[in-house]
Amino acid sequence: MYQYTETDQTLVDERVAQFKRQTEQYLKGELTEDQFRALRLRNGLYVQTHAPLLRVAGPYGLLNSKQVRKLAHIARHYDKNYCHFTTRQNIQFNWPKLEAVPDILAELASVQMHAIQTSGNCMRNTTTDHLAGVCVDEIEDPRPYCEIIRQWTTLHPEFDYLPRKFKIAVSGALHDRAATQFHDIGLHLVKNDAGEIGFRVLVGGGLGRTPIIGQVIKPFLEKKHLLSYLEAILRIYNLFGRRDNKYKARIKILVKELGLGHFSDRVEKEWLLLRDANELSAERIEEMKLEFTPPAYDLNAANDTSFEAHKAANKAFSTWVDHNTAVHKVPGYKAVFLSLKAPDSPPGDMTDTQLDAAADLADQYSFGEVRVTHRQNLILADIKQADLFALWQQLDALKLATPNIGTATDMICCPGLDFCSLANAGSIGIAKEINEALDDMDYIHDIGDIKINMSGCMNGCAHQSVGHIGILGVDKKGAEWYQITLGGSSENAAAIGERLGPSVAKDQITKAITDILDVYIKNRLEGESFLDMVNRVGITPFKEQVYAIS
């Protein structure tokens, strides 16, 4: 895991001191609301319905145990004993006091964390595959390149005030687990015909009110040109992106309006001016790879026999292994998901007690590292099979072992009206209702892989457009209603969900979801997934059931 240099630490410490002065000026009335707004946004501070919201950066989703304990401390001393994990691998606190935020930032800086560029019209947190470095389908570990991009984007003077926010995701595996096709720039590590590894570059993807799938602008980019090519794209966007209308300001709109060919031509001309001056040296790449050296795995771990014995003897443990662990590239190890989707807990929330315990478990079993997934769960990536039974018992006691990863109750859910001032409808309460309606775990497991994503407004923080089932809260004359889409996906075969029909009233949305699942169960082919069935038959059978069309 990358460790800050003296330069990194100085930058973060100076930003903390700077924002402390700015906050004091604002509280004294020396800065207006408008003047302070731009300053607070650059430090991850939003104004929400009940209190400020502080968004903390989780660079490419990787945390060490010391950082997780610091999050627990902040939740306990500055918030209401919990924090929230987001789809962009960040961490949010919903109840900090404004005057205490500089102190929180100072606490974060003490463990090499910050909130810089987690909001505002700037380059945001770079994200990646939560199984990076351990998955069996990996071409190359993307994390060194994520860190190189992180350093390049942080306080980049030329791109400090872009037309709109800008997001980059990197994938190094055959299976895209980072939703790269729905980012402003998506990077895939690929091999060319000569066996060389470089990047396939996508541009113009995004979600929100206008979801668009990114397009390939560069089929193969040599590694040495990574930063210069990113800079060329950003320059063209910065020059020509719409600043007159925030709803049309994202790069996806610029690419759509210009056309990929015209946009690409402009990027290529700009790149010619940059490519030789900003090369990424092989030495720099190798130095960064050393920051992500694999841990000291036990090469005899695969010789353990207790794991299979425990599976055979304990059905609950076996079910958890089947649903909440992933294959590891090292024999005898598993990656373990910590489900933050217990039936009675808001999706993505974690208490201070759970955070402290997770840090302890990371130290005990997983080389002191914790990862954040795109579906608002955590991962301990390096668990010996011999330790799985003991780990499961401890996670179960912490309510972190619900065996529902990838199932209908592993919902992505934004805070909705409970916290967000932009929301049109509630999300957390609806998620609880759906969980209660689907409380039979055998039923959940029989349904299989199904992704339900629910957002309280068109901003789409919960990625409802790409859910197998997407739920979008809308306002109808002050009442909460919900639009439903089917067939979305953020993985390799990316797709935007198709709208089922008219929005559904709040008291009918849970029934609509169970009706959709019943249609699937009654009409699926043997072994057919929900998404495959939607792609085969379309939305008509589901529509007929939900709206009782005869």
Protein backbone atom coordinates (compact mmCIF):
# COMPACT_ATOMS: atom_id res chain seq x y z
CA MET A 1 0.00 0.00 0.00
CA TYR A 2 1.32 3.42 -0.94
CA GLN A 3 2.82 5.43 1.92
CA TYR A 4 2.93 9.22 1.88
CA THR A 5 6.22 10.93 1.19
CA GLU A 6 7.19 14.09 3.05
CA THR A 7 5.80 16.07 0.11
CA ASP A 8 2.44 14.27 0.31
CA GLN A 9 2.15 14.86 4.03
CA THR A 10 3.14 18.51 3.77
CA LEU A 11 0.53 19.12 1.09
CA VAL A 12 -2.24 17.57 3.18
CA ASP A 13 -1.16 19.33 6.39
CA GLU A 14 -1.04 22.69 4.65
CA ARG A 15 -4.50 22.16 3.18
CA VAL A 16 -5.85 21.42 6.68
CA ALA A 17 -4.35 24.63 8.06
CA GLN A 18 -5.67 26.60 5.09
CA PHE A 19 -9.22 25.32 5.50
CA LYS A 20 -9.12 25.93 9.24
CA ARG A 21 -8.43 29.63 8.56
CA GLN A 22 -11.14 29.77 5.91
CA THR A 23 -13.71 28.18 8.22
CA GLU A 24 -12.85 30.59 11.01
CA GLN A 25 -13.24 33.52 8.61
CA TYR A 26 -16.63 32.23 7.49
CA LEU A 27 -17.87 31.72 11.04
CA LYS A 28 -16.78 35.28 11.89
CA GLY A 29 -18.71 36.63 8.89
CA GLU A 30 -15.57 37.62 7.00
CA LEU A 31 -16.49 35.31 4.09
CA THR A 32 -19.92 35.23 2.48
CA GLU A 33 -21.87 32.04 1.87
CA ASP A 34 -20.96 32.14 -1.82
CA GLN A 35 -17.28 32.76 -1.10
CA PHE A 36 -17.13 29.90 1.38
CA ARG A 37 -19.06 27.48 -0.84
CA ALA A 38 -16.24 26.96 -3.34
CA LEU A 39 -13.74 26.56 -0.50
CA ARG A 40 -15.73 24.00 1.44
CA LEU A 41 -16.56 21.96 -1.64
CA ARG A 42 -12.86 21.58 -2.43
CA ASN A 43 -12.51 20.06 1.01
CA GLY A 44 -15.37 17.60 0.68
CA LEU A 45 -17.91 19.55 2.71
CA TYR A 46 -21.53 19.65 1.54
CA VAL A 47 -24.59 21.26 3.11
CA GLN A 48 -27.28 18.64 3.57
CA THR A 49 -30.79 18.67 5.01
CA HIS A 50 -29.91 18.31 8.69
CA ALA A 51 -26.17 18.93 8.97
CA PRO A 52 -23.01 19.28 6.89
CA LEU A 53 -21.80 16.15 5.11
CA LEU A 54 -18.08 15.46 4.94
CA ARG A 55 -16.86 13.17 2.16
CA VAL A 56 -13.46 11.57 2.78
CA ALA A 57 -11.33 10.23 -0.06
CA GLY A 58 -10.67 6.50 -0.18
CA PRO A 59 -8.02 6.31 -2.91
CA TYR A 60 -8.95 3.38 -5.18
CA GLY A 61 -10.79 1.87 -2.20
CA LEU A 62 -7.72 0.85 -0.20
CA LEU A 63 -7.44 1.48 3.56
CA ASN A 64 -5.12 0.21 6.25
CA SER A 65 -6.25 -0.80 9.72
CA LYS A 66 -4.93 2.39 11.30
CA GLN A 67 -7.05 4.46 8.93
CA VAL A 68 -10.14 2.35 9.63
CA ARG A 69 -9.64 2.89 13.36
CA LYS A 70 -9.39 6.62 12.72
CA LEU A 71 -12.73 6.51 10.88
CA ALA A 72 -14.20 4.79 13.94
CA HIS A 73 -12.74 7.49 16.19
CA ILE A 74 -14.19 10.27 14.04
CA ALA A 75 -17.60 8.55 13.94
CA ARG A 76 -17.56 8.28 17.72
CA HIS A 77 -16.29 11.75 18.63
CA TYR A 78 -17.54 13.97 15.79
CA ASP A 79 -20.57 12.17 14.34
CA LYS A 80 -23.38 9.86 15.48
CA ASN A 81 -21.29 6.70 15.84
CA TYR A 82 -21.30 5.61 12.20
CA CYS A 83 -20.06 6.44 8.72
CA HIS A 84 -21.26 5.62 5.21
CA PHE A 85 -19.36 3.98 2.33
CA THR A 86 -20.17 5.18 -1.19
CA THR A 87 -20.17 3.68 -4.67
CA ARG A 88 -16.97 5.61 -5.44
CA GLN A 89 -15.08 3.92 -2.60
CA ASN A 90 -15.25 7.07 -0.46
CA ILE A 91 -16.40 7.54 3.14
CA GLN A 92 -19.05 10.00 4.31
CA PHE A 93 -19.93 11.46 7.70
CA ASN A 94 -23.48 12.80 7.88
CA TRP A 95 -23.50 14.74 11.15
CA PRO A 96 -20.27 16.72 11.69
CA LYS A 97 -20.48 20.22 13.12
CA LEU A 98 -19.10 22.84 10.76
CA GLU A 99 -16.71 24.29 13.31
CA ALA A 100 -15.31 20.79 13.97
CA VAL A 101 -14.57 19.90 10.33
CA PRO A 102 -11.01 21.35 10.37
CA ASP A 103 -10.29 19.19 13.41
CA ILE A 104 -11.65 16.13 11.58
CA LEU A 105 -9.41 16.91 8.61
CA ALA A 106 -6.43 17.18 10.96
CA GLU A 107 -7.32 13.79 12.43
CA LEU A 108 -7.47 12.33 8.92
CA ALA A 109 -4.14 13.89 7.94
CA SER A 110 -2.50 12.12 10.89
CA VAL A 111 -3.20 8.77 9.15
CA GLN A 112 -2.50 9.89 5.56
CA MET A 113 -6.10 10.65 4.61
CA HIS A 114 -7.89 13.76 3.38
CA ALA A 115 -11.04 15.12 1.75
CA ILE A 116 -9.33 17.07 -1.04
CA GLN A 117 -11.27 17.09 -4.34
CA THR A 118 -14.04 14.81 -3.11
CA SER A 119 -16.54 17.40 -4.35
CA GLY A 120 -16.66 20.41 -6.65
CA ASN A 121 -15.89 20.74 -10.35
CA CYS A 122 -12.55 18.99 -10.23
CA MET A 123 -10.93 15.61 -10.81
CA ARG A 124 -12.40 13.28 -8.20
CA ASN A 125 -11.19 10.13 -6.47
CA THR A 126 -9.78 7.60 -8.97
CA THR A 127 -11.44 4.21 -8.49
CA THR A 128 -10.60 0.65 -9.43
CA ASP A 129 -11.49 -3.01 -9.08
CA HIS A 130 -11.97 -3.96 -5.43
CA LEU A 131 -10.26 -7.29 -6.17
CA ALA A 132 -7.22 -5.66 -7.76
CA GLY A 133 -4.04 -7.60 -7.12
CA VAL A 134 -5.79 -10.79 -5.95
CA CYS A 135 -8.28 -11.73 -8.69
CA VAL A 136 -7.56 -14.64 -11.02
CA ASP A 137 -8.57 -12.83 -14.22
CA GLU A 138 -6.13 -9.95 -13.84
CA ILE A 139 -3.85 -8.83 -16.66
CA GLU A 140 -1.93 -6.49 -14.39
CA ASP A 141 -2.53 -4.83 -11.02
CA PRO A 142 -4.09 -1.41 -11.77
CA ARG A 143 -3.37 0.15 -8.37
CA PRO A 144 0.10 1.54 -9.19
CA TYR A 145 -1.44 3.46 -12.09
CA CYS A 146 -4.30 4.64 -9.87
CA GLU A 147 -1.76 6.09 -7.47
CA ILE A 148 0.16 7.76 -10.30
CA ILE A 149 -3.11 9.30 -11.49
CA ARG A 150 -4.01 10.32 -7.93
CA GLN A 151 -0.77 12.22 -7.56
CA TRP A 152 -1.18 13.84 -10.98
CA THR A 153 -4.78 14.94 -10.35
CA THR A 154 -4.33 16.27 -6.81
CA LEU A 155 -4.43 20.09 -6.94
CA HIS A 156 -3.54 20.07 -10.64
CA PRO A 157 -3.47 23.83 -11.31
CA GLU A 158 -4.72 23.70 -14.90
CA PHE A 159 -7.79 21.63 -14.07
CA ASP A 160 -8.76 23.15 -10.74
CA TYR A 161 -12.08 24.52 -12.04
CA LEU A 162 -13.44 22.27 -14.75
CA PRO A 163 -16.87 22.74 -16.36
CA ARG A 164 -18.11 19.92 -14.11
CA LYS A 165 -16.85 17.10 -11.91
CA PHE A 166 -14.58 14.54 -13.58
CA LYS A 167 -14.16 10.86 -12.71
CA ILE A 168 -11.60 8.28 -13.80
CA ALA A 169 -11.74 4.50 -13.24
CA VAL A 170 -9.08 1.90 -13.99
CA SER A 171 -9.51 -1.86 -14.50
CA GLY A 172 -6.76 -4.43 -14.85
CA ALA A 173 -8.91 -7.56 -15.21
CA LEU A 174 -10.88 -9.28 -17.93
CA HIS A 175 -14.06 -8.75 -15.90
CA ASP A 176 -14.84 -5.08 -15.41
CA ARG A 177 -15.73 -4.65 -11.74
CA ALA A 178 -15.02 -0.90 -11.74
CA ALA A 179 -17.86 0.33 -14.00
CA THR A 180 -15.25 1.91 -16.28
CA GLN A 181 -17.72 2.37 -19.14
CA PHE A 182 -19.70 4.84 -17.04
CA HIS A 183 -16.87 7.20 -16.17
CA ASP A 184 -15.64 10.37 -17.84
CA ILE A 185 -12.51 8.38 -18.63
CA GLY A 186 -12.27 4.61 -18.32
CA LEU A 187 -8.93 2.82 -18.55
CA HIS A 188 -8.54 -0.91 -19.22
CA LEU A 189 -5.16 -2.60 -19.01
CA VAL A 190 -4.99 -4.77 -22.14
CA LYS A 191 -2.46 -6.75 -24.19
CA ASN A 192 -1.86 -5.95 -27.85
CA ASP A 193 -0.97 -8.46 -30.55
CA ALA A 194 2.71 -8.19 -29.63
CA GLY A 195 1.97 -9.15 -26.02
CA GLU A 196 2.67 -5.65 -24.70
CA ILE A 197 0.47 -4.32 -21.93
CA GLY A 198 -1.00 -0.85 -22.31
CA PHE A 199 -4.33 0.93 -21.90
CA ARG A 200 -7.57 0.87 -23.84
CA VAL A 201 -9.01 4.33 -23.23
CA LEU A 202 -12.75 5.08 -23.09
CA VAL A 203 -14.23 8.55 -22.89
CA GLY A 204 -17.61 10.16 -22.38
CA GLY A 205 -19.33 7.71 -20.08
CA GLY A 206 -21.49 8.79 -17.17
CA LEU A 207 -24.68 8.30 -15.20
CA GLY A 208 -26.98 10.89 -13.62
CA ARG A 209 -29.92 12.33 -15.54
CA THR A 210 -28.31 11.50 -18.91
CA PRO A 211 -26.70 8.06 -18.66
CA ILE A 212 -24.28 7.33 -21.51
CA ILE A 213 -21.94 4.41 -22.16
CA GLY A 214 -18.34 5.49 -22.79
CA GLN A 215 -16.73 4.99 -26.19
CA VAL A 216 -13.25 3.76 -27.06
CA ILE A 217 -11.13 6.72 -28.09
CA LYS A 218 -7.79 4.88 -28.03
CA PRO A 219 -7.69 1.09 -28.51
CA PHE A 220 -4.11 0.85 -27.25
CA LEU A 221 -2.08 3.48 -25.43
CA GLU A 222 1.48 2.81 -24.35
CA LYS A 223 1.97 3.14 -20.61
CA LYS A 224 4.51 5.90 -21.01
CA HIS A 225 1.87 8.11 -22.59
CA LEU A 226 -0.74 7.65 -19.84
CA LEU A 227 -0.52 11.09 -18.22
CA SER A 228 0.04 13.05 -21.43
CA TYR A 229 -3.02 11.46 -23.06
CA LEU A 230 -5.18 12.07 -20.00
CA GLU A 231 -3.98 15.66 -20.02
CA ALA A 232 -4.90 16.06 -23.69
CA ILE A 233 -8.44 14.83 -23.01
CA LEU A 234 -8.80 17.12 -20.00
CA ARG A 235 -7.54 20.12 -21.95
CA ILE A 236 -10.09 19.65 -24.72
CA TYR A 237 -12.86 19.19 -22.17
CA ASN A 238 -11.72 22.23 -20.19
CA LEU A 239 -11.65 24.37 -23.34
CA PHE A 240 -14.90 23.27 -24.95
CA GLY A 241 -17.05 21.82 -22.17
CA ARG A 242 -20.33 23.64 -21.52
CA ARG A 243 -20.15 26.10 -18.64
CA ASP A 244 -23.46 27.80 -19.39
CA ASN A 245 -25.61 24.85 -18.31
CA LYS A 246 -24.59 22.51 -15.50
CA TYR A 247 -26.87 19.79 -16.86
CA LYS A 248 -24.90 19.78 -20.11
CA ALA A 249 -21.46 20.39 -18.64
CA ARG A 250 -20.14 16.83 -18.35
CA ILE A 251 -17.68 15.50 -20.92
CA LYS A 252 -20.27 12.92 -22.03
CA ILE A 253 -22.37 15.76 -23.49
CA LEU A 254 -19.37 17.31 -25.24
CA VAL A 255 -18.42 13.98 -26.83
CA LYS A 256 -22.03 13.40 -27.88
CA GLU A 257 -22.42 16.86 -29.39
CA LEU A 258 -19.07 16.87 -31.22
CA GLY A 259 -19.15 13.20 -32.14
CA LEU A 260 -16.38 10.82 -31.09
CA GLY A 261 -14.43 11.36 -34.33
CA HIS A 262 -14.31 15.14 -34.02
CA PHE A 263 -13.55 14.98 -30.31
CA SER A 264 -10.79 12.44 -30.94
CA ASP A 265 -9.22 14.64 -33.63
CA ARG A 266 -8.99 17.53 -31.20
CA VAL A 267 -7.47 15.32 -28.53
CA GLU A 268 -4.89 13.91 -30.93
CA LYS A 269 -3.79 17.39 -32.04
CA GLU A 270 -3.44 18.48 -28.42
CA TRP A 271 -1.61 15.30 -27.53
CA LEU A 272 1.07 15.96 -30.14
CA LEU A 273 2.04 19.01 -28.11
CA LEU A 274 2.27 17.04 -24.87
CA ARG A 275 3.35 13.46 -25.49
CA ASP A 276 7.12 13.98 -25.49
CA ALA A 277 7.18 16.41 -22.57
CA ASN A 278 5.30 14.33 -20.02
CA GLU A 279 6.35 10.73 -20.52
CA LEU A 280 5.85 8.26 -17.71
CA SER A 281 9.18 6.52 -17.31
CA ALA A 282 9.56 2.78 -16.83
CA GLU A 283 11.51 3.56 -13.65
CA ARG A 284 8.62 5.56 -12.20
CA ILE A 285 6.20 2.74 -12.95
CA GLU A 286 8.48 0.14 -11.36
CA GLU A 287 8.99 2.32 -8.28
CA MET A 288 5.24 2.62 -7.88
CA LYS A 289 4.74 -1.13 -8.34
CA LEU A 290 7.02 -1.67 -5.34
CA GLU A 291 4.45 0.20 -3.23
CA PHE A 292 2.00 -2.60 -4.01
CA THR A 293 4.23 -5.63 -3.51
CA PRO A 294 2.15 -8.70 -2.61
CA PRO A 295 2.20 -9.62 1.09
CA ALA A 296 4.08 -12.60 2.49
CA TYR A 297 1.56 -15.32 1.64
CA ASP A 298 1.79 -18.70 3.30
CA LEU A 299 2.71 -21.02 0.44
CA ASN A 300 1.46 -24.00 2.46
CA ALA A 301 -2.01 -22.52 2.98
CA ALA A 302 -3.55 -24.81 0.39
CA ASN A 303 -2.61 -27.84 2.47
CA ASP A 304 -5.26 -27.02 5.09
CA THR A 305 -8.07 -29.56 5.44
CA SER A 306 -10.11 -27.88 8.19
CA PHE A 307 -11.86 -25.51 5.77
CA GLU A 308 -13.66 -28.24 3.84
CA ALA A 309 -14.47 -30.05 7.09
CA HIS A 310 -16.13 -26.94 8.51
CA LYS A 311 -18.10 -26.46 5.29
CA ALA A 312 -19.37 -30.00 5.41
CA ALA A 313 -20.35 -29.74 9.06
CA ASN A 314 -21.91 -26.26 9.12
CA LYS A 315 -24.50 -25.28 6.51
CA ALA A 316 -24.59 -21.61 7.54
CA PHE A 317 -20.83 -21.34 7.17
CA SER A 318 -20.93 -23.10 3.81
CA THR A 319 -23.63 -20.72 2.57
CA TRP A 320 -21.59 -17.71 3.67
CA VAL A 321 -18.50 -19.04 1.88
CA ASP A 322 -20.49 -19.59 -1.31
CA HIS A 323 -21.88 -16.04 -1.34
CA ASN A 324 -19.44 -13.82 0.55
CA THR A 325 -16.03 -15.02 -0.62
CA ALA A 326 -14.21 -14.75 -3.95
CA VAL A 327 -11.55 -16.89 -5.57
CA HIS A 328 -8.00 -15.72 -4.83
CA LYS A 329 -5.01 -15.98 -7.17
CA VAL A 330 -2.97 -17.63 -4.40
CA PRO A 331 -4.01 -21.22 -3.60
CA GLY A 332 -5.32 -21.58 -0.07
CA TYR A 333 -6.60 -17.99 0.19
CA LYS A 334 -9.95 -16.27 -0.32
CA ALA A 335 -11.12 -12.67 -0.59
CA VAL A 336 -13.88 -12.10 1.96
CA PHE A 337 -16.75 -9.62 1.63
CA LEU A 338 -18.00 -7.90 4.76
CA SER A 339 -21.66 -7.32 4.00
CA LEU A 340 -22.88 -3.86 5.01
CA LYS A 341 -26.39 -4.94 4.02
CA ALA A 342 -27.76 -6.53 7.17
CA PRO A 343 -31.59 -6.51 7.00
CA ASP A 344 -32.04 -3.87 9.71
CA SER A 345 -29.16 -1.57 8.69
CA PRO A 346 -29.07 1.22 6.08
CA PRO A 347 -27.04 -0.02 3.08
CA GLY A 348 -23.41 1.06 3.26
CA ASP A 349 -23.48 2.25 6.87
CA MET A 350 -20.99 0.97 9.45
CA THR A 351 -20.84 1.71 13.17
CA ASP A 352 -17.76 2.76 15.09
CA THR A 353 -17.77 -0.60 16.90
CA GLN A 354 -17.86 -2.48 13.60
CA LEU A 355 -15.09 -0.30 12.17
CA ASP A 356 -12.81 -0.96 15.13
CA ALA A 357 -13.53 -4.67 14.94
CA ALA A 358 -12.92 -4.76 11.18
CA ALA A 359 -9.54 -3.11 11.72
CA ASP A 360 -8.65 -5.73 14.33
CA LEU A 361 -9.72 -8.54 12.00
CA ALA A 362 -7.69 -7.04 9.18
CA ASP A 363 -4.61 -7.04 11.39
CA GLN A 364 -5.26 -10.58 12.58
CA TYR A 365 -6.14 -12.20 9.27
CA SER A 366 -5.51 -9.96 6.23
CA PHE A 367 -2.16 -8.16 6.48
CA GLY A 368 -3.79 -5.07 7.96
CA GLU A 369 -5.69 -3.96 4.84
CA VAL A 370 -9.38 -3.29 4.16
CA ARG A 371 -10.98 -2.48 0.81
CA VAL A 372 -14.16 -0.64 -0.16
CA THR A 373 -16.29 -2.07 -2.98
CA HIS A 374 -18.48 -0.27 -5.53
CA ARG A 375 -21.56 -1.86 -3.99
CA GLN A 376 -21.00 -0.33 -0.55
CA ASN A 377 -19.44 -3.34 1.13
CA LEU A 378 -15.93 -4.00 2.47
CA ILE A 379 -13.39 -6.70 1.65
CA LEU A 380 -10.62 -8.44 3.54
CA ALA A 381 -8.69 -9.53 0.48
CA ASP A 382 -6.15 -12.03 1.78
CA ILE A 383 -7.72 -14.59 4.11
CA LYS A 384 -6.29 -18.08 4.57
CA GLN A 385 -8.91 -20.77 4.08
CA ALA A 386 -7.84 -22.17 7.45
CA ASP A 387 -8.93 -18.89 9.09
CA LEU A 388 -12.30 -18.56 7.35
CA PHE A 389 -14.37 -20.37 9.97
CA ALA A 390 -13.02 -18.30 12.87
CA LEU A 391 -13.37 -15.12 10.84
CA TRP A 392 -16.97 -15.96 9.89
CA GLN A 393 -17.92 -16.49 13.52
CA GLN A 394 -16.57 -13.08 14.47
CA LEU A 395 -18.17 -11.33 11.49
CA ASP A 396 -21.49 -12.99 12.26
CA ALA A 397 -21.40 -11.61 15.80
CA LEU A 398 -20.75 -8.15 14.34
CA LYS A 399 -23.68 -8.40 11.85
CA LEU A 400 -21.17 -8.26 8.98
CA ALA A 401 -21.76 -11.78 7.66
CA THR A 402 -25.19 -11.59 6.01
CA PRO A 403 -24.71 -14.08 3.12
CA ASN A 404 -26.19 -11.83 0.46
CA ILE A 405 -23.35 -10.49 -1.70
CA GLY A 406 -24.61 -10.21 -5.27
CA THR A 407 -28.20 -10.99 -4.30
CA ALA A 408 -31.37 -8.90 -4.31
CA THR A 409 -30.79 -7.61 -0.78
CA ASP A 410 -27.24 -6.47 -1.57
CA MET A 411 -28.77 -3.20 -2.71
CA ILE A 412 -26.93 -0.02 -3.60
CA CYS A 413 -28.83 2.78 -1.92
CA CYS A 414 -28.21 6.52 -1.62
CA PRO A 415 -29.22 8.41 1.57
CA GLY A 416 -32.29 9.86 -0.15
CA LEU A 417 -34.60 12.26 1.67
CA ASP A 418 -33.35 11.13 5.06
CA PHE A 419 -30.23 13.27 4.55
CA CYS A 420 -29.84 14.66 1.04
CA SER A 421 -31.22 18.12 0.22
CA LEU A 422 -31.31 17.20 -3.49
CA ALA A 423 -33.47 14.09 -3.08
CA ASN A 424 -37.04 13.80 -4.30
CA ALA A 425 -37.88 10.64 -2.39
CA GLY A 426 -36.68 8.37 0.38
CA SER A 427 -34.37 5.41 -0.24
CA ILE A 428 -33.32 3.92 3.09
CA GLY A 429 -36.87 3.16 4.21
CA ILE A 430 -37.72 1.55 0.88
CA ALA A 431 -34.59 -0.60 1.07
CA LYS A 432 -35.73 -1.77 4.53
CA GLU A 433 -39.20 -2.60 3.19
CA ILE A 434 -37.77 -4.63 0.31
CA ASN A 435 -35.43 -6.46 2.70
CA GLU A 436 -38.36 -7.33 4.94
CA ALA A 437 -40.37 -8.58 1.96
CA LEU A 438 -37.44 -10.75 0.88
CA ASP A 439 -36.56 -12.09 4.31
CA ASP A 440 -36.32 -15.75 3.24
CA MET A 441 -32.62 -16.36 2.56
CA ASP A 442 -33.32 -19.57 0.63
CA TYR A 443 -35.56 -17.52 -1.67
CA ILE A 444 -32.87 -14.87 -2.05
CA HIS A 445 -30.25 -17.44 -2.94
CA ASP A 446 -32.60 -19.15 -5.39
CA ILE A 447 -33.12 -15.86 -7.23
CA GLY A 448 -29.35 -15.65 -7.63
CA ASP A 449 -27.30 -12.78 -9.04
CA ILE A 450 -29.46 -9.68 -9.18
CA LYS A 451 -28.42 -6.10 -8.61
CA ILE A 452 -30.97 -3.60 -7.30
CA ASN A 453 -29.80 0.03 -7.33
CA MET A 454 -31.92 2.80 -5.81
CA SER A 455 -31.46 6.57 -5.96
CA GLY A 456 -33.56 9.31 -4.43
CA CYS A 457 -33.03 11.73 -7.32
CA MET A 458 -31.81 12.06 -10.91
CA ASN A 459 -28.19 12.60 -9.83
CA GLY A 460 -27.99 8.84 -9.63
CA CYS A 461 -25.49 8.45 -6.79
CA ALA A 462 -26.67 4.84 -6.43
CA HIS A 463 -26.31 4.11 -10.16
CA GLN A 464 -29.95 3.19 -10.68
CA SER A 465 -29.56 3.46 -14.47
CA VAL A 466 -27.30 0.40 -14.55
CA GLY A 467 -29.04 -1.76 -11.97
CA HIS A 468 -30.56 -5.03 -13.13
CA ILE A 469 -33.50 -3.41 -11.38
CA GLY A 470 -33.18 0.35 -11.04
CA ILE A 471 -35.37 2.42 -8.73
CA LEU A 472 -35.46 6.22 -9.06
CA GLY A 473 -37.29 8.48 -6.64
CA VAL A 474 -39.37 11.25 -8.24
CA ASP A 475 -41.59 13.99 -6.87
CA LYS A 476 -45.24 14.21 -7.88
CA LYS A 477 -46.88 17.27 -6.36
CA GLY A 478 -45.05 16.73 -3.09
CA ALA A 479 -45.59 12.96 -2.98
CA GLU A 480 -42.86 10.31 -3.28
CA TRP A 481 -43.09 8.09 -6.38
CA TYR A 482 -40.62 5.71 -7.99
CA GLN A 483 -39.65 4.94 -11.57
CA ILE A 484 -38.42 1.42 -12.34
CA THR A 485 -35.93 0.36 -15.00
CA LEU A 486 -34.87 -3.16 -15.97
CA GLY A 487 -31.87 -4.63 -17.72
CA GLY A 488 -29.05 -2.28 -16.77
CA SER A 489 -25.47 -3.41 -16.21
CA SER A 490 -22.18 -1.69 -15.40
CA GLU A 491 -20.04 -4.73 -16.24
CA ASN A 492 -18.51 -5.91 -19.53
CA ALA A 493 -21.77 -5.97 -21.47
CA ALA A 494 -22.69 -2.50 -20.25
CA ALA A 495 -26.31 -1.47 -20.65
CA ILE A 496 -28.65 1.29 -19.52
CA GLY A 497 -31.89 0.01 -18.02
CA GLU A 498 -35.15 0.37 -19.91
CA ARG A 499 -37.97 2.21 -18.19
CA LEU A 500 -40.74 -0.18 -17.19
CA GLY A 501 -43.61 2.27 -17.34
CA PRO A 502 -45.24 5.00 -15.25
CA SER A 503 -43.82 5.69 -11.80
CA VAL A 504 -45.18 3.72 -8.86
CA ALA A 505 -46.53 5.18 -5.61
CA LYS A 506 -44.43 4.81 -2.47
CA ASP A 507 -46.82 2.32 -0.90
CA GLN A 508 -46.67 0.13 -4.03
CA ILE A 509 -42.95 0.07 -4.86
CA THR A 510 -42.04 -2.94 -2.70
CA LYS A 511 -44.89 -4.99 -4.20
CA ALA A 512 -43.75 -3.96 -7.68
CA ILE A 513 -40.26 -5.31 -6.95
CA THR A 514 -41.59 -8.61 -5.60
CA ASP A 515 -43.90 -8.89 -8.64
CA ILE A 516 -40.89 -8.45 -10.93
CA LEU A 517 -38.99 -11.17 -9.10
CA ASP A 518 -42.00 -13.51 -9.24
CA VAL A 519 -42.22 -13.07 -13.01
CA TYR A 520 -38.56 -14.01 -13.27
CA ILE A 521 -38.94 -17.12 -11.11
CA LYS A 522 -41.98 -18.35 -13.05
CA ASN A 523 -40.56 -17.73 -16.53
CA ARG A 524 -36.79 -18.29 -16.33
CA LEU A 525 -35.05 -21.06 -18.18
CA GLU A 526 -32.93 -23.52 -16.24
CA GLY A 527 -29.84 -21.72 -14.98
CA GLU A 528 -30.91 -18.41 -16.54
CA SER A 529 -29.98 -15.27 -14.63
CA PHE A 530 -32.37 -12.36 -14.16
CA LEU A 531 -30.39 -10.14 -16.53
CA ASP A 532 -30.24 -12.87 -19.18
CA MET A 533 -34.00 -13.33 -18.97
CA VAL A 534 -34.66 -9.60 -19.35
CA ASN A 535 -32.40 -9.56 -22.40
CA ARG A 536 -34.22 -12.59 -23.83
CA VAL A 537 -37.86 -11.63 -23.30
CA GLY A 538 -37.75 -7.86 -22.85
CA ILE A 539 -39.71 -5.91 -20.25
CA THR A 540 -43.26 -6.73 -21.40
CA PRO A 541 -43.96 -9.70 -19.06
CA PHE A 542 -42.75 -7.66 -16.10
CA LYS A 543 -44.74 -4.64 -17.18
CA GLU A 544 -47.92 -6.68 -17.48
CA GLN A 545 -47.52 -8.00 -13.95
CA VAL A 546 -46.59 -4.72 -12.27
CA TYR A 547 -49.34 -2.71 -13.94
CA ALA A 548 -51.85 -5.60 -14.07
CA ILE A 549 -52.32 -5.23 -17.82
CA SER A 550 -54.69 -7.91 -19.09
